[in-house]
N, C-alpha and C. Protein backbone atom coordinates (compact mmCIF):
# COMPACT_ATOMS: atom_id res chain seq x y z
N GLN A 1 -35.77 -27.47 -3.38
CA GLN A 1 -36.82 -26.89 -4.20
C GLN A 1 -36.50 -27.15 -5.67
N VAL A 2 -37.49 -27.63 -6.41
CA VAL A 2 -37.33 -27.91 -7.83
C VAL A 2 -38.43 -27.17 -8.58
N GLN A 3 -38.04 -26.49 -9.62
CA GLN A 3 -39.03 -25.85 -10.50
C GLN A 3 -39.04 -26.59 -11.82
N LEU A 4 -40.25 -26.85 -12.32
CA LEU A 4 -40.42 -27.65 -13.52
C LEU A 4 -41.18 -26.85 -14.57
N VAL A 5 -40.71 -26.89 -15.80
CA VAL A 5 -41.35 -26.17 -16.89
C VAL A 5 -41.53 -27.12 -18.07
N GLU A 6 -42.79 -27.38 -18.42
CA GLU A 6 -43.09 -28.25 -19.55
C GLU A 6 -43.15 -27.46 -20.85
N SER A 7 -42.89 -28.15 -21.95
CA SER A 7 -43.03 -27.57 -23.28
C SER A 7 -43.28 -28.69 -24.28
N GLY A 8 -43.70 -28.29 -25.49
CA GLY A 8 -43.86 -29.27 -26.56
C GLY A 8 -45.28 -29.67 -26.87
N GLY A 9 -46.24 -29.17 -26.10
CA GLY A 9 -47.62 -29.50 -26.39
C GLY A 9 -48.10 -28.82 -27.66
N GLY A 10 -49.30 -29.21 -28.09
CA GLY A 10 -49.86 -28.60 -29.29
C GLY A 10 -51.03 -29.38 -29.81
N LEU A 11 -51.42 -29.06 -31.04
CA LEU A 11 -52.53 -29.70 -31.73
C LEU A 11 -51.97 -30.68 -32.76
N VAL A 12 -52.46 -31.91 -32.72
CA VAL A 12 -51.99 -32.94 -33.65
C VAL A 12 -53.16 -33.80 -34.06
N GLN A 13 -53.11 -34.35 -35.26
CA GLN A 13 -54.16 -35.25 -35.72
C GLN A 13 -53.98 -36.64 -35.11
N ALA A 14 -55.06 -37.35 -35.02
CA ALA A 14 -55.01 -38.72 -34.53
C ALA A 14 -54.01 -39.53 -35.36
N GLY A 15 -53.22 -40.33 -34.65
CA GLY A 15 -52.17 -41.10 -35.31
C GLY A 15 -50.84 -40.41 -35.35
N GLY A 16 -50.83 -39.13 -35.00
CA GLY A 16 -49.59 -38.36 -35.03
C GLY A 16 -48.77 -38.52 -33.77
N SER A 17 -47.70 -37.73 -33.70
CA SER A 17 -46.75 -37.82 -32.60
C SER A 17 -46.42 -36.44 -32.04
N LEU A 18 -46.06 -36.42 -30.78
CA LEU A 18 -45.55 -35.23 -30.12
C LEU A 18 -44.49 -35.65 -29.13
N ARG A 19 -43.57 -34.73 -28.86
CA ARG A 19 -42.56 -34.97 -27.83
C ARG A 19 -42.63 -33.84 -26.80
N LEU A 20 -42.96 -34.20 -25.59
CA LEU A 20 -42.99 -33.23 -24.50
C LEU A 20 -41.65 -33.21 -23.79
N SER A 21 -41.28 -32.03 -23.33
CA SER A 21 -40.06 -31.87 -22.52
C SER A 21 -40.43 -31.20 -21.21
N CYS A 22 -39.64 -31.50 -20.19
CA CYS A 22 -39.82 -30.88 -18.89
C CYS A 22 -38.43 -30.54 -18.36
N ALA A 23 -38.16 -29.24 -18.29
CA ALA A 23 -36.87 -28.77 -17.81
C ALA A 23 -36.95 -28.46 -16.32
N ALA A 24 -35.99 -28.96 -15.58
CA ALA A 24 -35.97 -28.77 -14.13
C ALA A 24 -34.84 -27.86 -13.72
N SER A 25 -35.12 -27.03 -12.74
CA SER A 25 -34.07 -26.17 -12.18
C SER A 25 -33.50 -26.84 -10.93
N GLY A 26 -32.32 -26.41 -10.53
CA GLY A 26 -31.74 -26.95 -9.31
C GLY A 26 -30.73 -28.03 -9.58
N PRO A 27 -29.81 -28.23 -8.63
CA PRO A 27 -28.69 -29.16 -8.82
C PRO A 27 -28.99 -30.60 -8.48
N THR A 28 -30.21 -30.90 -8.04
CA THR A 28 -30.49 -32.23 -7.52
C THR A 28 -31.45 -33.02 -8.38
N PHE A 29 -31.52 -32.70 -9.67
CA PHE A 29 -32.48 -33.35 -10.56
C PHE A 29 -32.34 -34.87 -10.52
N SER A 30 -31.13 -35.37 -10.52
CA SER A 30 -30.91 -36.81 -10.58
C SER A 30 -31.34 -37.54 -9.30
N SER A 31 -31.66 -36.80 -8.26
CA SER A 31 -32.12 -37.44 -7.03
C SER A 31 -33.64 -37.60 -6.98
N TYR A 32 -34.31 -37.21 -8.05
CA TYR A 32 -35.77 -37.29 -8.10
C TYR A 32 -36.25 -38.32 -9.12
N VAL A 33 -37.26 -39.05 -8.72
CA VAL A 33 -38.07 -39.81 -9.67
C VAL A 33 -38.92 -38.80 -10.42
N MET A 34 -39.05 -39.00 -11.72
CA MET A 34 -39.83 -38.06 -12.52
C MET A 34 -41.05 -38.76 -13.11
N GLY A 35 -42.16 -38.06 -13.12
CA GLY A 35 -43.38 -38.62 -13.65
C GLY A 35 -44.09 -37.67 -14.58
N TRP A 36 -44.93 -38.24 -15.42
CA TRP A 36 -45.84 -37.45 -16.25
C TRP A 36 -47.27 -37.86 -15.86
N PHE A 37 -48.11 -36.86 -15.72
CA PHE A 37 -49.53 -37.04 -15.46
C PHE A 37 -50.31 -36.24 -16.48
N ARG A 38 -51.61 -36.50 -16.58
CA ARG A 38 -52.44 -35.71 -17.48
C ARG A 38 -53.81 -35.52 -16.86
N GLN A 39 -54.46 -34.43 -17.27
CA GLN A 39 -55.80 -34.13 -16.77
C GLN A 39 -56.66 -33.61 -17.90
N ALA A 40 -57.71 -34.36 -18.21
CA ALA A 40 -58.67 -33.95 -19.22
C ALA A 40 -59.78 -33.16 -18.55
N PRO A 41 -60.50 -32.33 -19.30
CA PRO A 41 -61.58 -31.53 -18.71
C PRO A 41 -62.61 -32.40 -18.00
N GLY A 42 -62.92 -32.04 -16.77
CA GLY A 42 -63.91 -32.76 -16.00
C GLY A 42 -63.44 -34.07 -15.40
N LYS A 43 -62.16 -34.36 -15.55
CA LYS A 43 -61.63 -35.62 -15.03
C LYS A 43 -60.52 -35.36 -14.02
N GLU A 44 -60.22 -36.38 -13.23
CA GLU A 44 -59.13 -36.26 -12.28
C GLU A 44 -57.79 -36.40 -12.99
N ARG A 45 -56.76 -35.86 -12.35
CA ARG A 45 -55.42 -36.01 -12.89
C ARG A 45 -55.02 -37.48 -12.79
N GLU A 46 -54.48 -38.02 -13.88
CA GLU A 46 -54.13 -39.43 -13.90
C GLU A 46 -52.67 -39.64 -14.28
N PHE A 47 -52.14 -40.74 -13.78
CA PHE A 47 -50.76 -41.12 -14.04
C PHE A 47 -50.59 -41.56 -15.49
N VAL A 48 -49.47 -41.15 -16.09
CA VAL A 48 -49.14 -41.55 -17.44
C VAL A 48 -47.88 -42.43 -17.45
N ALA A 49 -46.78 -41.90 -16.88
CA ALA A 49 -45.51 -42.62 -16.93
C ALA A 49 -44.59 -42.09 -15.85
N ALA A 50 -43.61 -42.92 -15.47
CA ALA A 50 -42.60 -42.50 -14.50
C ALA A 50 -41.27 -43.12 -14.87
N ILE A 51 -40.20 -42.47 -14.43
CA ILE A 51 -38.85 -42.97 -14.69
C ILE A 51 -38.02 -42.79 -13.42
N ASN A 52 -37.18 -43.77 -13.13
CA ASN A 52 -36.43 -43.71 -11.88
C ASN A 52 -35.23 -42.77 -12.00
N TRP A 53 -34.46 -42.67 -10.93
CA TRP A 53 -33.42 -41.67 -10.84
C TRP A 53 -32.38 -41.77 -11.96
N SER A 54 -31.98 -42.97 -12.32
CA SER A 54 -30.95 -43.14 -13.33
C SER A 54 -31.50 -43.22 -14.74
N GLY A 55 -32.80 -43.44 -14.85
CA GLY A 55 -33.42 -43.63 -16.16
C GLY A 55 -33.47 -45.08 -16.59
N GLY A 56 -33.04 -45.98 -15.73
CA GLY A 56 -32.98 -47.38 -16.10
C GLY A 56 -34.27 -48.15 -15.95
N THR A 57 -35.22 -47.58 -15.24
CA THR A 57 -36.49 -48.26 -15.01
C THR A 57 -37.63 -47.31 -15.28
N THR A 58 -38.64 -47.81 -15.99
CA THR A 58 -39.79 -47.00 -16.34
C THR A 58 -41.09 -47.72 -15.97
N LEU A 59 -42.14 -46.95 -15.89
CA LEU A 59 -43.46 -47.46 -15.53
C LEU A 59 -44.48 -46.70 -16.35
N TYR A 60 -45.49 -47.42 -16.87
CA TYR A 60 -46.49 -46.79 -17.73
C TYR A 60 -47.90 -47.18 -17.31
N ALA A 61 -48.82 -46.26 -17.55
CA ALA A 61 -50.24 -46.60 -17.45
C ALA A 61 -50.59 -47.53 -18.60
N ASP A 62 -51.53 -48.42 -18.36
CA ASP A 62 -51.92 -49.38 -19.40
C ASP A 62 -52.42 -48.67 -20.66
N SER A 63 -53.03 -47.52 -20.49
CA SER A 63 -53.64 -46.81 -21.62
C SER A 63 -52.61 -46.25 -22.59
N VAL A 64 -51.35 -46.12 -22.16
CA VAL A 64 -50.33 -45.55 -23.04
C VAL A 64 -49.20 -46.52 -23.33
N LYS A 65 -49.23 -47.67 -22.71
CA LYS A 65 -48.15 -48.64 -22.88
C LYS A 65 -48.01 -49.04 -24.35
N GLY A 66 -46.78 -49.00 -24.84
CA GLY A 66 -46.52 -49.33 -26.24
C GLY A 66 -46.64 -48.15 -27.18
N ARG A 67 -47.20 -47.03 -26.72
CA ARG A 67 -47.34 -45.84 -27.56
C ARG A 67 -46.48 -44.68 -27.06
N PHE A 68 -46.33 -44.57 -25.74
CA PHE A 68 -45.57 -43.47 -25.14
C PHE A 68 -44.24 -44.01 -24.60
N ALA A 69 -43.24 -43.14 -24.56
CA ALA A 69 -41.95 -43.52 -23.99
C ALA A 69 -41.40 -42.35 -23.17
N ILE A 70 -41.06 -42.63 -21.91
CA ILE A 70 -40.48 -41.62 -21.04
C ILE A 70 -38.96 -41.83 -21.00
N SER A 71 -38.23 -40.73 -20.97
CA SER A 71 -36.78 -40.80 -20.87
C SER A 71 -36.30 -39.56 -20.13
N ARG A 72 -35.03 -39.59 -19.72
CA ARG A 72 -34.49 -38.43 -19.02
C ARG A 72 -33.02 -38.26 -19.40
N ASP A 73 -32.57 -37.02 -19.30
CA ASP A 73 -31.17 -36.69 -19.51
C ASP A 73 -30.73 -35.91 -18.28
N ASN A 74 -30.05 -36.58 -17.38
CA ASN A 74 -29.67 -35.92 -16.12
C ASN A 74 -28.64 -34.81 -16.34
N ALA A 75 -27.87 -34.91 -17.39
CA ALA A 75 -26.90 -33.84 -17.68
C ALA A 75 -27.60 -32.56 -18.11
N LYS A 76 -28.80 -32.69 -18.66
CA LYS A 76 -29.57 -31.53 -19.12
C LYS A 76 -30.72 -31.19 -18.19
N ASN A 77 -30.85 -31.94 -17.09
CA ASN A 77 -31.95 -31.69 -16.15
C ASN A 77 -33.31 -31.72 -16.84
N THR A 78 -33.49 -32.68 -17.73
CA THR A 78 -34.71 -32.70 -18.54
C THR A 78 -35.28 -34.11 -18.61
N VAL A 79 -36.60 -34.18 -18.55
CA VAL A 79 -37.32 -35.44 -18.77
C VAL A 79 -38.21 -35.25 -19.99
N TYR A 80 -38.38 -36.32 -20.75
CA TYR A 80 -39.12 -36.27 -22.00
C TYR A 80 -40.28 -37.27 -21.98
N LEU A 81 -41.28 -36.98 -22.79
CA LEU A 81 -42.35 -37.94 -23.04
C LEU A 81 -42.60 -37.96 -24.53
N GLU A 82 -42.18 -39.05 -25.16
CA GLU A 82 -42.41 -39.25 -26.58
C GLU A 82 -43.76 -39.92 -26.73
N MET A 83 -44.66 -39.28 -27.48
CA MET A 83 -46.02 -39.78 -27.62
C MET A 83 -46.29 -40.11 -29.08
N ASN A 84 -46.59 -41.36 -29.37
CA ASN A 84 -46.87 -41.82 -30.73
C ASN A 84 -48.27 -42.40 -30.82
N SER A 85 -48.74 -42.55 -32.04
CA SER A 85 -50.08 -43.12 -32.29
C SER A 85 -51.12 -42.44 -31.40
N LEU A 86 -51.10 -41.14 -31.38
CA LEU A 86 -51.98 -40.39 -30.50
C LEU A 86 -53.45 -40.57 -30.87
N LYS A 87 -54.29 -40.58 -29.84
CA LYS A 87 -55.73 -40.76 -29.99
C LYS A 87 -56.43 -39.53 -29.41
N PRO A 88 -57.66 -39.27 -29.85
CA PRO A 88 -58.42 -38.16 -29.25
C PRO A 88 -58.52 -38.28 -27.72
N ASP A 89 -58.57 -39.50 -27.20
CA ASP A 89 -58.65 -39.70 -25.75
C ASP A 89 -57.39 -39.26 -25.02
N ASP A 90 -56.31 -39.01 -25.75
CA ASP A 90 -55.08 -38.52 -25.13
C ASP A 90 -55.12 -37.00 -24.91
N THR A 91 -56.15 -36.34 -25.39
CA THR A 91 -56.28 -34.90 -25.20
C THR A 91 -56.37 -34.55 -23.73
N ALA A 92 -55.48 -33.68 -23.27
CA ALA A 92 -55.41 -33.33 -21.86
C ALA A 92 -54.31 -32.30 -21.66
N VAL A 93 -54.28 -31.73 -20.46
CA VAL A 93 -53.11 -30.97 -20.03
C VAL A 93 -52.14 -31.96 -19.41
N TYR A 94 -50.91 -31.94 -19.87
CA TYR A 94 -49.89 -32.86 -19.39
C TYR A 94 -48.96 -32.14 -18.42
N TYR A 95 -48.75 -32.78 -17.28
CA TYR A 95 -47.91 -32.22 -16.22
C TYR A 95 -46.73 -33.13 -15.94
N CYS A 96 -45.57 -32.55 -15.72
CA CYS A 96 -44.48 -33.35 -15.18
C CYS A 96 -44.38 -33.09 -13.69
N ALA A 97 -43.83 -34.07 -12.99
CA ALA A 97 -43.77 -34.01 -11.53
C ALA A 97 -42.50 -34.69 -11.05
N ALA A 98 -42.03 -34.25 -9.89
CA ALA A 98 -40.82 -34.82 -9.28
C ALA A 98 -41.15 -35.36 -7.91
N GLY A 99 -40.66 -36.55 -7.62
CA GLY A 99 -40.89 -37.16 -6.33
C GLY A 99 -39.63 -37.86 -5.82
N ARG A 100 -39.67 -38.25 -4.55
CA ARG A 100 -38.48 -38.85 -3.94
C ARG A 100 -38.42 -40.35 -4.09
N TYR A 101 -39.58 -41.00 -4.22
CA TYR A 101 -39.63 -42.45 -4.10
C TYR A 101 -40.18 -43.10 -5.35
N TRP A 102 -39.66 -44.28 -5.66
CA TRP A 102 -40.03 -44.99 -6.87
C TRP A 102 -41.32 -45.80 -6.67
N GLY A 103 -42.06 -45.93 -7.75
CA GLY A 103 -43.17 -46.87 -7.79
C GLY A 103 -44.54 -46.26 -7.57
N HIS A 104 -44.60 -44.95 -7.37
CA HIS A 104 -45.88 -44.32 -7.07
C HIS A 104 -46.55 -43.80 -8.33
N THR A 105 -47.87 -44.00 -8.38
CA THR A 105 -48.63 -43.56 -9.54
C THR A 105 -49.76 -42.61 -9.17
N THR A 106 -49.71 -42.08 -7.97
CA THR A 106 -50.75 -41.15 -7.54
C THR A 106 -50.12 -39.81 -7.19
N THR A 107 -50.92 -38.76 -7.33
CA THR A 107 -50.39 -37.41 -7.21
C THR A 107 -49.79 -37.05 -5.85
N PRO A 108 -50.31 -37.53 -4.72
CA PRO A 108 -49.73 -37.11 -3.44
C PRO A 108 -48.28 -37.52 -3.23
N GLN A 109 -47.81 -38.52 -3.97
CA GLN A 109 -46.44 -38.99 -3.79
C GLN A 109 -45.41 -38.17 -4.56
N TYR A 110 -45.88 -37.16 -5.29
CA TYR A 110 -44.97 -36.29 -6.02
C TYR A 110 -44.96 -34.92 -5.35
N ASP A 111 -43.77 -34.36 -5.19
CA ASP A 111 -43.61 -33.15 -4.39
C ASP A 111 -43.66 -31.86 -5.20
N TYR A 112 -43.23 -31.92 -6.44
CA TYR A 112 -43.14 -30.71 -7.26
C TYR A 112 -43.83 -30.94 -8.60
N TRP A 113 -44.47 -29.88 -9.09
CA TRP A 113 -45.26 -29.96 -10.31
C TRP A 113 -44.96 -28.78 -11.23
N GLY A 114 -45.03 -29.06 -12.54
CA GLY A 114 -44.97 -27.99 -13.51
C GLY A 114 -46.33 -27.38 -13.73
N GLN A 115 -46.40 -26.41 -14.61
CA GLN A 115 -47.65 -25.69 -14.86
C GLN A 115 -48.52 -26.38 -15.91
N GLY A 116 -47.96 -27.33 -16.62
CA GLY A 116 -48.72 -28.09 -17.59
C GLY A 116 -48.59 -27.57 -19.00
N THR A 117 -48.79 -28.47 -19.97
CA THR A 117 -48.80 -28.11 -21.38
C THR A 117 -49.96 -28.84 -22.05
N GLN A 118 -50.70 -28.11 -22.88
CA GLN A 118 -51.90 -28.66 -23.49
C GLN A 118 -51.55 -29.53 -24.69
N VAL A 119 -52.15 -30.71 -24.73
CA VAL A 119 -52.07 -31.59 -25.90
C VAL A 119 -53.48 -31.83 -26.39
N THR A 120 -53.72 -31.52 -27.64
CA THR A 120 -55.03 -31.73 -28.24
C THR A 120 -54.88 -32.61 -29.46
N VAL A 121 -55.63 -33.71 -29.48
CA VAL A 121 -55.58 -34.66 -30.59
C VAL A 121 -56.92 -34.61 -31.31
N SER A 122 -56.90 -34.24 -32.56
CA SER A 122 -58.13 -34.14 -33.34
C SER A 122 -58.39 -35.44 -34.10
N SER A 123 -59.66 -35.74 -34.27
CA SER A 123 -60.03 -36.98 -34.95
C SER A 123 -60.15 -36.78 -36.45
């Protein structure tokens, strides 16, 4: 069982930056692939980024590639999402998720979810 708690969301102007954190409980954090997803009002939850168990391999949605960076610190049981050059279209609730297998970009492949943190980008 893994519990995930996101933090770091807020209101930022277009072009600005935010850093999201997701703290995980439990001794097995390094055995999980970690992902970030987001959900805007009226839209389905969509994949943003994922990082493998060691942190050596990452995967990004085309919409955030080159602007967002995912990283993890297994000693701190924490995964991060550095978001730069933010756009109003990035406004959403951001969720972190933990899964067992690498390469998945859809929600059913992730087993544990946080409660989400709101990111609002003003124009």
